[in-house]
Amino acid sequence: MALQSELNGRMLETVRELTGAAMITLPSSLKDFENPETAGDIERYMRSASSDAKAKVALMRLAWDFIGSEFGSRHQQYEKFYGGASFIAKQNVYRNFDFKRATALVDAALNLPPVEDA
C-alpha cells in the first residue's frame, strides 16, 4: 500500500503517453461510422497496424473511461488517498519492516555468511 498511490499515478501517466491524442480525437458516436460522409475518413485515420478503426476506437474509449471520465478521475483520487497520506503509509512500512529477516533472506539467497552486528 505504501507505493500503490505512486504506482497508480505512474501507470495512468504511461497510458496517457501511449495513447497520445487518440483518446480525445475519437468519433462522437457510432453514427459517425454509419455516416457515408465520415465513415471512410474514420476508417482511414483511426485504424492501427493491427486493428480496424472500430476496435481501436473501442480501446480508446475504454482508456478514456479509465482516465478521463468523471468515474476515472474519482477513482484516481480514491486510489491516491484511500490509505491516507502516502508519506504516513511509507513511514509505517519503514517503521514496521523486519530488516534483519529481509537481510537474512537475501544472504541465504546469495549464500553469503550472515552480516555481523557492529
PDB file of N, CA and C in Angstrom:
ATOM      1  N   MET A   1       0.817  -1.182   0.000  1.00  0.00           N
ATOM      2  CA  MET A   1       0.000   0.000   0.000  1.00  0.00           C
ATOM      3  C   MET A   1       0.865   1.251   0.000  1.00  0.00           C
ATOM      4  N   ALA A   2       2.083   1.168   0.455  1.00  0.00           N
ATOM      5  CA  ALA A   2       2.914   2.358   0.559  1.00  0.00           C
ATOM      6  C   ALA A   2       3.252   2.936  -0.809  1.00  0.00           C
ATOM      7  N   LEU A   3       3.490   2.094  -1.778  1.00  0.00           N
ATOM      8  CA  LEU A   3       3.832   2.585  -3.120  1.00  0.00           C
ATOM      9  C   LEU A   3       2.639   2.661  -4.051  1.00  0.00           C
ATOM     10  N   GLN A   4       1.525   2.075  -3.652  1.00  0.00           N
ATOM     11  CA  GLN A   4       0.366   1.994  -4.534  1.00  0.00           C
ATOM     12  C   GLN A   4      -0.089   3.359  -5.006  1.00  0.00           C
ATOM     13  N   SER A   5      -0.112   4.346  -4.105  1.00  0.00           N
ATOM     14  CA  SER A   5      -0.595   5.666  -4.502  1.00  0.00           C
ATOM     15  C   SER A   5       0.310   6.306  -5.542  1.00  0.00           C
ATOM     16  N   GLU A   6       1.586   5.962  -5.534  1.00  0.00           N
ATOM     17  CA  GLU A   6       2.506   6.465  -6.563  1.00  0.00           C
ATOM     18  C   GLU A   6       2.406   5.658  -7.848  1.00  0.00           C
ATOM     19  N   LEU A   7       2.371   4.341  -7.714  1.00  0.00           N
ATOM     20  CA  LEU A   7       2.384   3.484  -8.898  1.00  0.00           C
ATOM     21  C   LEU A   7       1.123   3.646  -9.740  1.00  0.00           C
ATOM     22  N   ASN A   8      -0.021   3.854  -9.102  1.00  0.00           N
ATOM     23  CA  ASN A   8      -1.247   4.059  -9.856  1.00  0.00           C
ATOM     24  C   ASN A   8      -1.120   5.299 -10.728  1.00  0.00           C
ATOM     25  N   GLY A   9      -0.626   6.395 -10.176  1.00  0.00           N
ATOM     26  CA  GLY A   9      -0.437   7.618 -10.951  1.00  0.00           C
ATOM     27  C   GLY A   9       0.547   7.437 -12.094  1.00  0.00           C
ATOM     28  N   ARG A  10       1.612   6.707 -11.843  1.00  0.00           N
ATOM     29  CA  ARG A  10       2.594   6.433 -12.912  1.00  0.00           C
ATOM     30  C   ARG A  10       1.978   5.599 -14.020  1.00  0.00           C
ATOM     31  N   MET A  11       1.172   4.610 -13.615  1.00  0.00           N
ATOM     32  CA  MET A  11       0.516   3.758 -14.609  1.00  0.00           C
ATOM     33  C   MET A  11      -0.419   4.589 -15.496  1.00  0.00           C
ATOM     34  N   LEU A  12      -1.205   5.467 -14.867  1.00  0.00           N
ATOM     35  CA  LEU A  12      -2.119   6.310 -15.639  1.00  0.00           C
ATOM     36  C   LEU A  12      -1.351   7.225 -16.585  1.00  0.00           C
ATOM     37  N   GLU A  13      -0.242   7.752 -16.128  1.00  0.00           N
ATOM     38  CA  GLU A  13       0.576   8.618 -16.988  1.00  0.00           C
ATOM     39  C   GLU A  13       1.139   7.818 -18.168  1.00  0.00           C
ATOM     40  N   THR A  14       1.516   6.586 -17.931  1.00  0.00           N
ATOM     41  CA  THR A  14       2.008   5.728 -19.021  1.00  0.00           C
ATOM     42  C   THR A  14       0.917   5.495 -20.056  1.00  0.00           C
ATOM     43  N   VAL A  15      -0.304   5.234 -19.594  1.00  0.00           N
ATOM     44  CA  VAL A  15      -1.421   5.056 -20.530  1.00  0.00           C
ATOM     45  C   VAL A  15      -1.640   6.334 -21.329  1.00  0.00           C
ATOM     46  N   ARG A  16      -1.577   7.483 -20.658  1.00  0.00           N
ATOM     47  CA  ARG A  16      -1.736   8.766 -21.371  1.00  0.00           C
ATOM     48  C   ARG A  16      -0.668   8.928 -22.446  1.00  0.00           C
ATOM     49  N   GLU A  17       0.569   8.607 -22.117  1.00  0.00           N
ATOM     50  CA  GLU A  17       1.664   8.732 -23.085  1.00  0.00           C
ATOM     51  C   GLU A  17       1.472   7.777 -24.265  1.00  0.00           C
ATOM     52  N   LEU A  18       1.052   6.550 -23.966  1.00  0.00           N
ATOM     53  CA  LEU A  18       0.891   5.559 -25.034  1.00  0.00           C
ATOM     54  C   LEU A  18      -0.272   5.888 -25.971  1.00  0.00           C
ATOM     55  N   THR A  19      -1.337   6.448 -25.424  1.00  0.00           N
ATOM     56  CA  THR A  19      -2.498   6.748 -26.266  1.00  0.00           C
ATOM     57  C   THR A  19      -2.374   8.079 -26.977  1.00  0.00           C
ATOM     58  N   GLY A  20      -1.554   8.970 -26.452  1.00  0.00           N
ATOM     59  CA  GLY A  20      -1.371  10.270 -27.092  1.00  0.00           C
ATOM     60  C   GLY A  20      -2.699  11.007 -27.211  1.00  0.00           C
ATOM     61  N   ALA A  21      -2.932  11.602 -28.361  1.00  0.00           N
ATOM     62  CA  ALA A  21      -4.163  12.363 -28.584  1.00  0.00           C
ATOM     63  C   ALA A  21      -5.326  11.468 -28.996  1.00  0.00           C
ATOM     64  N   ALA A  22      -5.097  10.177 -29.150  1.00  0.00           N
ATOM     65  CA  ALA A  22      -6.138   9.290 -29.667  1.00  0.00           C
ATOM     66  C   ALA A  22      -7.390   9.273 -28.803  1.00  0.00           C
ATOM     67  N   MET A  23      -7.246   9.470 -27.489  1.00  0.00           N
ATOM     68  CA  MET A  23      -8.429   9.449 -26.618  1.00  0.00           C
ATOM     69  C   MET A  23      -9.313  10.673 -26.822  1.00  0.00           C
ATOM     70  N   ILE A  24      -8.742  11.775 -27.289  1.00  0.00           N
ATOM     71  CA  ILE A  24      -9.546  12.993 -27.422  1.00  0.00           C
ATOM     72  C   ILE A  24      -9.916  13.308 -28.867  1.00  0.00           C
ATOM     73  N   THR A  25      -9.486  12.487 -29.788  1.00  0.00           N
ATOM     74  CA  THR A  25      -9.842  12.700 -31.195  1.00  0.00           C
ATOM     75  C   THR A  25     -10.777  11.605 -31.702  1.00  0.00           C
ATOM     76  N   LEU A  26     -11.565  11.049 -30.812  1.00  0.00           N
ATOM     77  CA  LEU A  26     -12.455   9.941 -31.162  1.00  0.00           C
ATOM     78  C   LEU A  26     -13.712  10.440 -31.861  1.00  0.00           C
ATOM     79  N   PRO A  27     -14.292   9.584 -32.700  1.00  0.00           N
ATOM     80  CA  PRO A  27     -15.612   9.913 -33.253  1.00  0.00           C
ATOM     81  C   PRO A  27     -16.613  10.085 -32.103  1.00  0.00           C
ATOM     82  N   SER A  28     -17.615  10.908 -32.327  1.00  0.00           N
ATOM     83  CA  SER A  28     -18.546  11.209 -31.243  1.00  0.00           C
ATOM     84  C   SER A  28     -19.498  10.062 -30.936  1.00  0.00           C
ATOM     85  N   SER A  29     -19.804   9.224 -31.937  1.00  0.00           N
ATOM     86  CA  SER A  29     -20.725   8.112 -31.695  1.00  0.00           C
ATOM     87  C   SER A  29     -20.627   7.109 -32.836  1.00  0.00           C
ATOM     88  N   LEU A  30     -21.408   6.051 -32.714  1.00  0.00           N
ATOM     89  CA  LEU A  30     -21.471   5.034 -33.761  1.00  0.00           C
ATOM     90  C   LEU A  30     -22.030   5.613 -35.055  1.00  0.00           C
ATOM     91  N   LYS A  31     -22.838   6.646 -34.942  1.00  0.00           N
ATOM     92  CA  LYS A  31     -23.421   7.282 -36.129  1.00  0.00           C
ATOM     93  C   LYS A  31     -22.344   7.812 -37.078  1.00  0.00           C
ATOM     94  N   ASP A  32     -21.189   8.199 -36.528  1.00  0.00           N
ATOM     95  CA  ASP A  32     -20.094   8.666 -37.385  1.00  0.00           C
ATOM     96  C   ASP A  32     -19.568   7.538 -38.273  1.00  0.00           C
ATOM     97  N   PHE A  33     -19.578   6.297 -37.755  1.00  0.00           N
ATOM     98  CA  PHE A  33     -19.165   5.144 -38.565  1.00  0.00           C
ATOM     99  C   PHE A  33     -20.215   4.824 -39.630  1.00  0.00           C
ATOM    100  N   GLU A  34     -21.462   5.126 -39.339  1.00  0.00           N
ATOM    101  CA  GLU A  34     -22.555   4.816 -40.263  1.00  0.00           C
ATOM    102  C   GLU A  34     -22.793   5.916 -41.297  1.00  0.00           C
ATOM    103  N   ASN A  35     -22.259   7.080 -41.058  1.00  0.00           N
ATOM    104  CA  ASN A  35     -22.441   8.211 -41.968  1.00  0.00           C
ATOM    105  C   ASN A  35     -21.499   8.054 -43.161  1.00  0.00           C
ATOM    106  N   PRO A  36     -22.020   8.006 -44.392  1.00  0.00           N
ATOM    107  CA  PRO A  36     -21.159   7.814 -45.559  1.00  0.00           C
ATOM    108  C   PRO A  36     -20.149   8.954 -45.762  1.00  0.00           C
ATOM    109  N   GLU A  37     -20.451  10.136 -45.238  1.00  0.00           N
ATOM    110  CA  GLU A  37     -19.528  11.261 -45.406  1.00  0.00           C
ATOM    111  C   GLU A  37     -18.308  11.161 -44.487  1.00  0.00           C
ATOM    112  N   THR A  38     -18.455  10.485 -43.365  1.00  0.00           N
ATOM    113  CA  THR A  38     -17.344  10.414 -42.410  1.00  0.00           C
ATOM    114  C   THR A  38     -16.744   9.016 -42.247  1.00  0.00           C
ATOM    115  N   ALA A  39     -17.467   7.980 -42.641  1.00  0.00           N
ATOM    116  CA  ALA A  39     -17.032   6.599 -42.387  1.00  0.00           C
ATOM    117  C   ALA A  39     -15.668   6.292 -43.002  1.00  0.00           C
ATOM    118  N   GLY A  40     -15.441   6.715 -44.233  1.00  0.00           N
ATOM    119  CA  GLY A  40     -14.163   6.433 -44.894  1.00  0.00           C
ATOM    120  C   GLY A  40     -12.991   7.100 -44.189  1.00  0.00           C
ATOM    121  N   ASP A  41     -13.169   8.349 -43.793  1.00  0.00           N
ATOM    122  CA  ASP A  41     -12.091   9.056 -43.092  1.00  0.00           C
ATOM    123  C   ASP A  41     -11.805   8.434 -41.735  1.00  0.00           C
ATOM    124  N   ILE A  42     -12.865   8.057 -41.047  1.00  0.00           N
ATOM    125  CA  ILE A  42     -12.665   7.439 -39.733  1.00  0.00           C
ATOM    126  C   ILE A  42     -11.901   6.136 -39.881  1.00  0.00           C
ATOM    127  N   GLU A  43     -12.309   5.320 -40.832  1.00  0.00           N
ATOM    128  CA  GLU A  43     -11.608   4.041 -41.039  1.00  0.00           C
ATOM    129  C   GLU A  43     -10.162   4.281 -41.439  1.00  0.00           C
ATOM    130  N   ARG A  44      -9.908   5.265 -42.247  1.00  0.00           N
ATOM    131  CA  ARG A  44      -8.549   5.547 -42.713  1.00  0.00           C
ATOM    132  C   ARG A  44      -7.654   6.073 -41.590  1.00  0.00           C
ATOM    133  N   TYR A  45      -8.154   7.015 -40.801  1.00  0.00           N
ATOM    134  CA  TYR A  45      -7.308   7.695 -39.832  1.00  0.00           C
ATOM    135  C   TYR A  45      -7.332   7.115 -38.425  1.00  0.00           C
ATOM    136  N   MET A  46      -8.328   6.328 -38.121  1.00  0.00           N
ATOM    137  CA  MET A  46      -8.420   5.794 -36.758  1.00  0.00           C
ATOM    138  C   MET A  46      -7.923   4.353 -36.638  1.00  0.00           C
ATOM    139  N   ARG A  47      -7.672   3.670 -37.739  1.00  0.00           N
ATOM    140  CA  ARG A  47      -7.192   2.292 -37.643  1.00  0.00           C
ATOM    141  C   ARG A  47      -5.734   2.286 -37.190  1.00  0.00           C
ATOM    142  N   SER A  48      -5.283   1.113 -36.836  1.00  0.00           N
ATOM    143  CA  SER A  48      -3.867   0.945 -36.496  1.00  0.00           C
ATOM    144  C   SER A  48      -3.315  -0.187 -37.353  1.00  0.00           C
ATOM    145  N   ALA A  49      -2.052  -0.487 -37.171  1.00  0.00           N
ATOM    146  CA  ALA A  49      -1.430  -1.546 -37.970  1.00  0.00           C
ATOM    147  C   ALA A  49      -2.032  -2.913 -37.669  1.00  0.00           C
ATOM    148  N   SER A  50      -2.615  -3.078 -36.474  1.00  0.00           N
ATOM    149  CA  SER A  50      -3.117  -4.400 -36.091  1.00  0.00           C
ATOM    150  C   SER A  50      -4.622  -4.457 -35.843  1.00  0.00           C
ATOM    151  N   SER A  51      -5.335  -3.341 -36.009  1.00  0.00           N
ATOM    152  CA  SER A  51      -6.776  -3.391 -35.777  1.00  0.00           C
ATOM    153  C   SER A  51      -7.500  -2.371 -36.650  1.00  0.00           C
ATOM    154  N   ASP A  52      -8.779  -2.648 -36.862  1.00  0.00           N
ATOM    155  CA  ASP A  52      -9.570  -1.700 -37.643  1.00  0.00           C
ATOM    156  C   ASP A  52      -9.984  -0.526 -36.758  1.00  0.00           C
ATOM    157  N   ALA A  53     -10.630   0.447 -37.367  1.00  0.00           N
ATOM    158  CA  ALA A  53     -10.990   1.668 -36.641  1.00  0.00           C
ATOM    159  C   ALA A  53     -11.940   1.390 -35.484  1.00  0.00           C
ATOM    160  N   LYS A  54     -12.921   0.518 -35.661  1.00  0.00           N
ATOM    161  CA  LYS A  54     -13.873   0.253 -34.581  1.00  0.00           C
ATOM    162  C   LYS A  54     -13.183  -0.356 -33.364  1.00  0.00           C
ATOM    163  N   ALA A  55     -12.258  -1.273 -33.590  1.00  0.00           N
ATOM    164  CA  ALA A  55     -11.542  -1.887 -32.473  1.00  0.00           C
ATOM    165  C   ALA A  55     -10.660  -0.857 -31.763  1.00  0.00           C
ATOM    166  N   LYS A  56      -9.990  -0.011 -32.530  1.00  0.00           N
ATOM    167  CA  LYS A  56      -9.140   0.998 -31.915  1.00  0.00           C
ATOM    168  C   LYS A  56      -9.980   2.018 -31.141  1.00  0.00           C
ATOM    169  N   VAL A  57     -11.094   2.437 -31.711  1.00  0.00           N
ATOM    170  CA  VAL A  57     -11.969   3.384 -31.017  1.00  0.00           C
ATOM    171  C   VAL A  57     -12.502   2.755 -29.725  1.00  0.00           C
ATOM    172  N   ALA A  58     -12.856   1.491 -29.768  1.00  0.00           N
ATOM    173  CA  ALA A  58     -13.340   0.813 -28.563  1.00  0.00           C
ATOM    174  C   ALA A  58     -12.261   0.805 -27.477  1.00  0.00           C
ATOM    175  N   LEU A  59     -11.025   0.524 -27.869  1.00  0.00           N
ATOM    176  CA  LEU A  59      -9.921   0.522 -26.910  1.00  0.00           C
ATOM    177  C   LEU A  59      -9.681   1.922 -26.345  1.00  0.00           C
ATOM    178  N   MET A  60      -9.711   2.926 -27.198  1.00  0.00           N
ATOM    179  CA  MET A  60      -9.503   4.300 -26.730  1.00  0.00           C
ATOM    180  C   MET A  60     -10.645   4.763 -25.829  1.00  0.00           C
ATOM    181  N   ARG A  61     -11.871   4.315 -26.105  1.00  0.00           N
ATOM    182  CA  ARG A  61     -12.996   4.666 -25.220  1.00  0.00           C
ATOM    183  C   ARG A  61     -12.827   3.997 -23.853  1.00  0.00           C
ATOM    184  N   LEU A  62     -12.325   2.783 -23.847  1.00  0.00           N
ATOM    185  CA  LEU A  62     -12.042   2.111 -22.578  1.00  0.00           C
ATOM    186  C   LEU A  62     -10.982   2.885 -21.803  1.00  0.00           C
ATOM    187  N   ALA A  63      -9.913   3.286 -22.479  1.00  0.00           N
ATOM    188  CA  ALA A  63      -8.861   4.073 -21.822  1.00  0.00           C
ATOM    189  C   ALA A  63      -9.434   5.385 -21.292  1.00  0.00           C
ATOM    190  N   TRP A  64     -10.308   6.031 -22.067  1.00  0.00           N
ATOM    191  CA  TRP A  64     -10.915   7.282 -21.624  1.00  0.00           C
ATOM    192  C   TRP A  64     -11.766   7.061 -20.360  1.00  0.00           C
ATOM    193  N   ASP A  65     -12.541   5.975 -20.340  1.00  0.00           N
ATOM    194  CA  ASP A  65     -13.342   5.670 -19.148  1.00  0.00           C
ATOM    195  C   ASP A  65     -12.443   5.492 -17.929  1.00  0.00           C
ATOM    196  N   PHE A  66     -11.284   4.924 -18.150  1.00  0.00           N
ATOM    197  CA  PHE A  66     -10.335   4.635 -17.081  1.00  0.00           C
ATOM    198  C   PHE A  66      -9.621   5.899 -16.598  1.00  0.00           C
ATOM    199  N   ILE A  67      -9.407   6.852 -17.492  1.00  0.00           N
ATOM    200  CA  ILE A  67      -8.577   8.013 -17.176  1.00  0.00           C
ATOM    201  C   ILE A  67      -9.334   9.331 -17.206  1.00  0.00           C
ATOM    202  N   GLY A  68     -10.107   9.574 -18.236  1.00  0.00           N
ATOM    203  CA  GLY A  68     -10.647  10.905 -18.456  1.00  0.00           C
ATOM    204  C   GLY A  68     -12.051  11.153 -17.983  1.00  0.00           C
ATOM    205  N   SER A  69     -12.815  10.106 -17.762  1.00  0.00           N
ATOM    206  CA  SER A  69     -14.214  10.303 -17.376  1.00  0.00           C
ATOM    207  C   SER A  69     -14.319  10.745 -15.918  1.00  0.00           C
ATOM    208  N   GLU A  70     -15.513  11.159 -15.535  1.00  0.00           N
ATOM    209  CA  GLU A  70     -15.742  11.527 -14.137  1.00  0.00           C
ATOM    210  C   GLU A  70     -15.444  10.339 -13.224  1.00  0.00           C
ATOM    211  N   PHE A  71     -15.883   9.151 -13.639  1.00  0.00           N
ATOM    212  CA  PHE A  71     -15.608   7.950 -12.851  1.00  0.00           C
ATOM    213  C   PHE A  71     -14.109   7.711 -12.736  1.00  0.00           C
ATOM    214  N   GLY A  72     -13.403   7.832 -13.861  1.00  0.00           N
ATOM    215  CA  GLY A  72     -11.959   7.608 -13.843  1.00  0.00           C
ATOM    216  C   GLY A  72     -11.236   8.587 -12.945  1.00  0.00           C
ATOM    217  N   SER A  73     -11.628   9.846 -12.998  1.00  0.00           N
ATOM    218  CA  SER A  73     -10.993  10.865 -12.151  1.00  0.00           C
ATOM    219  C   SER A  73     -11.287  10.608 -10.675  1.00  0.00           C
ATOM    220  N   ARG A  74     -12.517  10.240 -10.386  1.00  0.00           N
ATOM    221  CA  ARG A  74     -12.883   9.943  -8.996  1.00  0.00           C
ATOM    222  C   ARG A  74     -12.112   8.730  -8.495  1.00  0.00           C
ATOM    223  N   HIS A  75     -12.000   7.712  -9.336  1.00  0.00           N
ATOM    224  CA  HIS A  75     -11.273   6.510  -8.939  1.00  0.00           C
ATOM    225  C   HIS A  75      -9.795   6.828  -8.719  1.00  0.00           C
ATOM    226  N   GLN A  76      -9.218   7.669  -9.572  1.00  0.00           N
ATOM    227  CA  GLN A  76      -7.815   8.052  -9.390  1.00  0.00           C
ATOM    228  C   GLN A  76      -7.624   8.760  -8.052  1.00  0.00           C
ATOM    229  N   GLN A  77      -8.539   9.649  -7.707  1.00  0.00           N
ATOM    230  CA  GLN A  77      -8.476  10.348  -6.430  1.00  0.00           C
ATOM    231  C   GLN A  77      -8.578   9.357  -5.274  1.00  0.00           C
ATOM    232  N   TYR A  78      -9.477   8.394  -5.406  1.00  0.00           N
ATOM    233  CA  TYR A  78      -9.637   7.370  -4.368  1.00  0.00           C
ATOM    234  C   TYR A  78      -8.353   6.565  -4.204  1.00  0.00           C
ATOM    235  N   GLU A  79      -7.783   6.098  -5.309  1.00  0.00           N
ATOM    236  CA  GLU A  79      -6.569   5.284  -5.244  1.00  0.00           C
ATOM    237  C   GLU A  79      -5.410   6.053  -4.627  1.00  0.00           C
ATOM    238  N   LYS A  80      -5.382   7.350  -4.856  1.00  0.00           N
ATOM    239  CA  LYS A  80      -4.296   8.175  -4.313  1.00  0.00           C
ATOM    240  C   LYS A  80      -4.392   8.308  -2.796  1.00  0.00           C
ATOM    241  N   PHE A  81      -5.619   8.394  -2.259  1.00  0.00           N
ATOM    242  CA  PHE A  81      -5.747   8.765  -0.859  1.00  0.00           C
ATOM    243  C   PHE A  81      -6.505   7.779   0.032  1.00  0.00           C
ATOM    244  N   TYR A  82      -6.949   6.628  -0.491  1.00  0.00           N
ATOM    245  CA  TYR A  82      -7.758   5.751   0.352  1.00  0.00           C
ATOM    246  C   TYR A  82      -6.988   5.223   1.549  1.00  0.00           C
ATOM    247  N   GLY A  83      -5.688   5.114   1.450  1.00  0.00           N
ATOM    248  CA  GLY A  83      -4.878   4.619   2.561  1.00  0.00           C
ATOM    249  C   GLY A  83      -4.325   5.732   3.427  1.00  0.00           C
ATOM    250  N   GLY A  84      -4.782   6.948   3.208  1.00  0.00           N
ATOM    251  CA  GLY A  84      -4.254   8.086   3.949  1.00  0.00           C
ATOM    252  C   GLY A  84      -3.130   8.734   3.168  1.00  0.00           C
ATOM    253  N   ALA A  85      -2.484   9.669   3.805  1.00  0.00           N
ATOM    254  CA  ALA A  85      -1.364  10.366   3.157  1.00  0.00           C
ATOM    255  C   ALA A  85      -0.248   9.372   2.875  1.00  0.00           C
ATOM    256  N   SER A  86       0.305   9.411   1.679  1.00  0.00           N
ATOM    257  CA  SER A  86       1.297   8.400   1.284  1.00  0.00           C
ATOM    258  C   SER A  86       2.552   8.462   2.147  1.00  0.00           C
ATOM    259  N   PHE A  87       2.948   9.666   2.609  1.00  0.00           N
ATOM    260  CA  PHE A  87       4.152   9.735   3.433  1.00  0.00           C
ATOM    261  C   PHE A  87       3.953   9.033   4.776  1.00  0.00           C
ATOM    262  N   ILE A  88       2.731   9.029   5.286  1.00  0.00           N
ATOM    263  CA  ILE A  88       2.451   8.321   6.543  1.00  0.00           C
ATOM    264  C   ILE A  88       2.466   6.810   6.309  1.00  0.00           C
ATOM    265  N   ALA A  89       1.878   6.367   5.207  1.00  0.00           N
ATOM    266  CA  ALA A  89       1.889   4.929   4.895  1.00  0.00           C
ATOM    267  C   ALA A  89       3.319   4.429   4.720  1.00  0.00           C
ATOM    268  N   LYS A  90       4.157   5.212   4.066  1.00  0.00           N
ATOM    269  CA  LYS A  90       5.559   4.815   3.874  1.00  0.00           C
ATOM    270  C   LYS A  90       6.311   4.782   5.198  1.00  0.00           C
ATOM    271  N   GLN A  91       6.046   5.755   6.073  1.00  0.00           N
ATOM    272  CA  GLN A  91       6.685   5.755   7.390  1.00  0.00           C
ATOM    273  C   GLN A  91       6.276   4.513   8.183  1.00  0.00           C
ATOM    274  N   ASN A  92       5.004   4.149   8.107  1.00  0.00           N
ATOM    275  CA  ASN A  92       4.535   2.958   8.826  1.00  0.00           C
ATOM    276  C   ASN A  92       5.195   1.696   8.297  1.00  0.00           C
ATOM    277  N   VAL A  93       5.335   1.578   6.991  1.00  0.00           N
ATOM    278  CA  VAL A  93       6.005   0.414   6.413  1.00  0.00           C
ATOM    279  C   VAL A  93       7.456   0.373   6.869  1.00  0.00           C
ATOM    280  N   TYR A  94       8.136   1.501   6.804  1.00  0.00           N
ATOM    281  CA  TYR A  94       9.540   1.554   7.217  1.00  0.00           C
ATOM    282  C   TYR A  94       9.684   1.192   8.695  1.00  0.00           C
ATOM    283  N   ARG A  95       8.821   1.760   9.520  1.00  0.00           N
ATOM    284  CA  ARG A  95       8.896   1.541  10.967  1.00  0.00           C
ATOM    285  C   ARG A  95       8.653   0.070  11.323  1.00  0.00           C
ATOM    286  N   ASN A  96       7.803  -0.618  10.568  1.00  0.00           N
ATOM    287  CA  ASN A  96       7.429  -1.996  10.893  1.00  0.00           C
ATOM    288  C   ASN A  96       8.142  -3.055  10.064  1.00  0.00           C
ATOM    289  N   PHE A  97       9.015  -2.630   9.177  1.00  0.00           N
ATOM    290  CA  PHE A  97       9.699  -3.580   8.308  1.00  0.00           C
ATOM    291  C   PHE A  97      10.742  -4.368   9.091  1.00  0.00           C
ATOM    292  N   ASP A  98      10.807  -5.658   8.856  1.00  0.00           N
ATOM    293  CA  ASP A  98      11.765  -6.526   9.543  1.00  0.00           C
ATOM    294  C   ASP A  98      13.052  -6.593   8.705  1.00  0.00           C
ATOM    295  N   PHE A  99      13.951  -5.632   8.933  1.00  0.00           N
ATOM    296  CA  PHE A  99      15.178  -5.537   8.147  1.00  0.00           C
ATOM    297  C   PHE A  99      16.095  -6.733   8.378  1.00  0.00           C
ATOM    298  N   LYS A 100      16.161  -7.241   9.605  1.00  0.00           N
ATOM    299  CA  LYS A 100      17.030  -8.401   9.885  1.00  0.00           C
ATOM    300  C   LYS A 100      16.571  -9.626   9.110  1.00  0.00           C
ATOM    301  N   ARG A 101      15.270  -9.861   9.101  1.00  0.00           N
ATOM    302  CA  ARG A 101      14.741 -11.018   8.362  1.00  0.00           C
ATOM    303  C   ARG A 101      14.982 -10.847   6.867  1.00  0.00           C
ATOM    304  N   ALA A 102      14.759  -9.642   6.346  1.00  0.00           N
ATOM    305  CA  ALA A 102      14.972  -9.395   4.916  1.00  0.00           C
ATOM    306  C   ALA A 102      16.438  -9.594   4.548  1.00  0.00           C
ATOM    307  N   THR A 103      17.338  -9.099   5.387  1.00  0.00           N
ATOM    308  CA  THR A 103      18.772  -9.271   5.128  1.00  0.00           C
ATOM    309  C   THR A 103      19.144 -10.753   5.156  1.00  0.00           C
ATOM    310  N   ALA A 104      18.584 -11.498   6.107  1.00  0.00           N
ATOM    311  CA  ALA A 104      18.858 -12.934   6.186  1.00  0.00           C
ATOM    312  C   ALA A 104      18.356 -13.668   4.942  1.00  0.00           C
ATOM    313  N   LEU A 105      17.196 -13.274   4.432  1.00  0.00           N
ATOM    314  CA  LEU A 105      16.675 -13.906   3.215  1.00  0.00           C
ATOM    315  C   LEU A 105      17.586 -13.636   2.020  1.00  0.00           C
ATOM    316  N   VAL A 106      18.066 -12.411   1.901  1.00  0.00           N
ATOM    317  CA  VAL A 106      18.976 -12.073   0.803  1.00  0.00           C
ATOM    318  C   VAL A 106      20.290 -12.825   0.957  1.00  0.00           C
ATOM    319  N   ASP A 107      20.831 -12.851   2.177  1.00  0.00           N
ATOM    320  CA  ASP A 107      22.073 -13.594   2.421  1.00  0.00           C
ATOM    321  C   ASP A 107      21.909 -15.064   2.086  1.00  0.00           C
ATOM    322  N   ALA A 108      20.783 -15.645   2.480  1.00  0.00           N
ATOM    323  CA  ALA A 108      20.541 -17.061   2.181  1.00  0.00           C
ATOM    324  C   ALA A 108      20.425 -17.278   0.679  1.00  0.00           C
ATOM    325  N   ALA A 109      19.751 -16.354  -0.002  1.00  0.00           N
ATOM    326  CA  ALA A 109      19.603 -16.487  -1.446  1.00  0.00           C
ATOM    327  C   ALA A 109      20.945 -16.371  -2.154  1.00  0.00           C
ATOM    328  N   LEU A 110      21.812 -15.524  -1.631  1.00  0.00           N
ATOM    329  CA  LEU A 110      23.136 -15.344  -2.224  1.00  0.00           C
ATOM    330  C   LEU A 110      24.171 -16.281  -1.621  1.00  0.00           C
ATOM    331  N   ASN A 111      23.726 -17.044  -0.593  1.00  0.00           N
ATOM    332  CA  ASN A 111      24.587 -17.985   0.103  1.00  0.00           C
ATOM    333  C   ASN A 111      25.806 -17.288   0.706  1.00  0.00           C
ATOM    334  N   LEU A 112      25.610 -16.119   1.284  1.00  0.00           N
ATOM    335  CA  LEU A 112      26.675 -15.370   1.917  1.00  0.00           C
ATOM    336  C   LEU A 112      26.666 -15.638   3.419  1.00  0.00           C
ATOM    337  N   PRO A 113      27.799 -15.433   4.057  1.00  0.00           N
ATOM    338  CA  PRO A 113      27.791 -15.575   5.521  1.00  0.00           C
ATOM    339  C   PRO A 113      26.941 -14.465   6.131  1.00  0.00           C
ATOM    340  N   PRO A 114      26.335 -14.695   7.317  1.00  0.00           N
ATOM    341  CA  PRO A 114      25.486 -13.675   7.949  1.00  0.00           C
ATOM    342  C   PRO A 114      26.267 -12.378   8.203  1.00  0.00           C
ATOM    343  N   VAL A 115      25.551 -11.274   8.181  1.00  0.00           N
ATOM    344  CA  VAL A 115      26.152  -9.957   8.448  1.00  0.00           C
ATOM    345  C   VAL A 115      26.365  -9.855   9.954  1.00  0.00           C
ATOM    346  N   GLU A 116      27.544  -9.440  10.354  1.00  0.00           N
ATOM    347  CA  GLU A 116      27.870  -9.290  11.767  1.00  0.00           C
ATOM    348  C   GLU A 116      27.329  -7.968  12.268  1.00  0.00           C
ATOM    349  N   ASP A 117      26.776  -7.975  13.501  1.00  0.00           N
ATOM    350  CA  ASP A 117      26.339  -6.721  14.139  1.00  0.00           C
ATOM    351  C   ASP A 117      27.576  -5.932  14.543  1.00  0.00           C
ATOM    352  N   ALA A 118      27.521  -4.628  14.353  1.00  0.00           N
ATOM    353  CA  ALA A 118      28.681  -3.775  14.683  1.00  0.00           C
ATOM    354  C   ALA A 118      28.752  -3.467  16.138  1.00  0.00           C
TER     355      ALA A 118
END
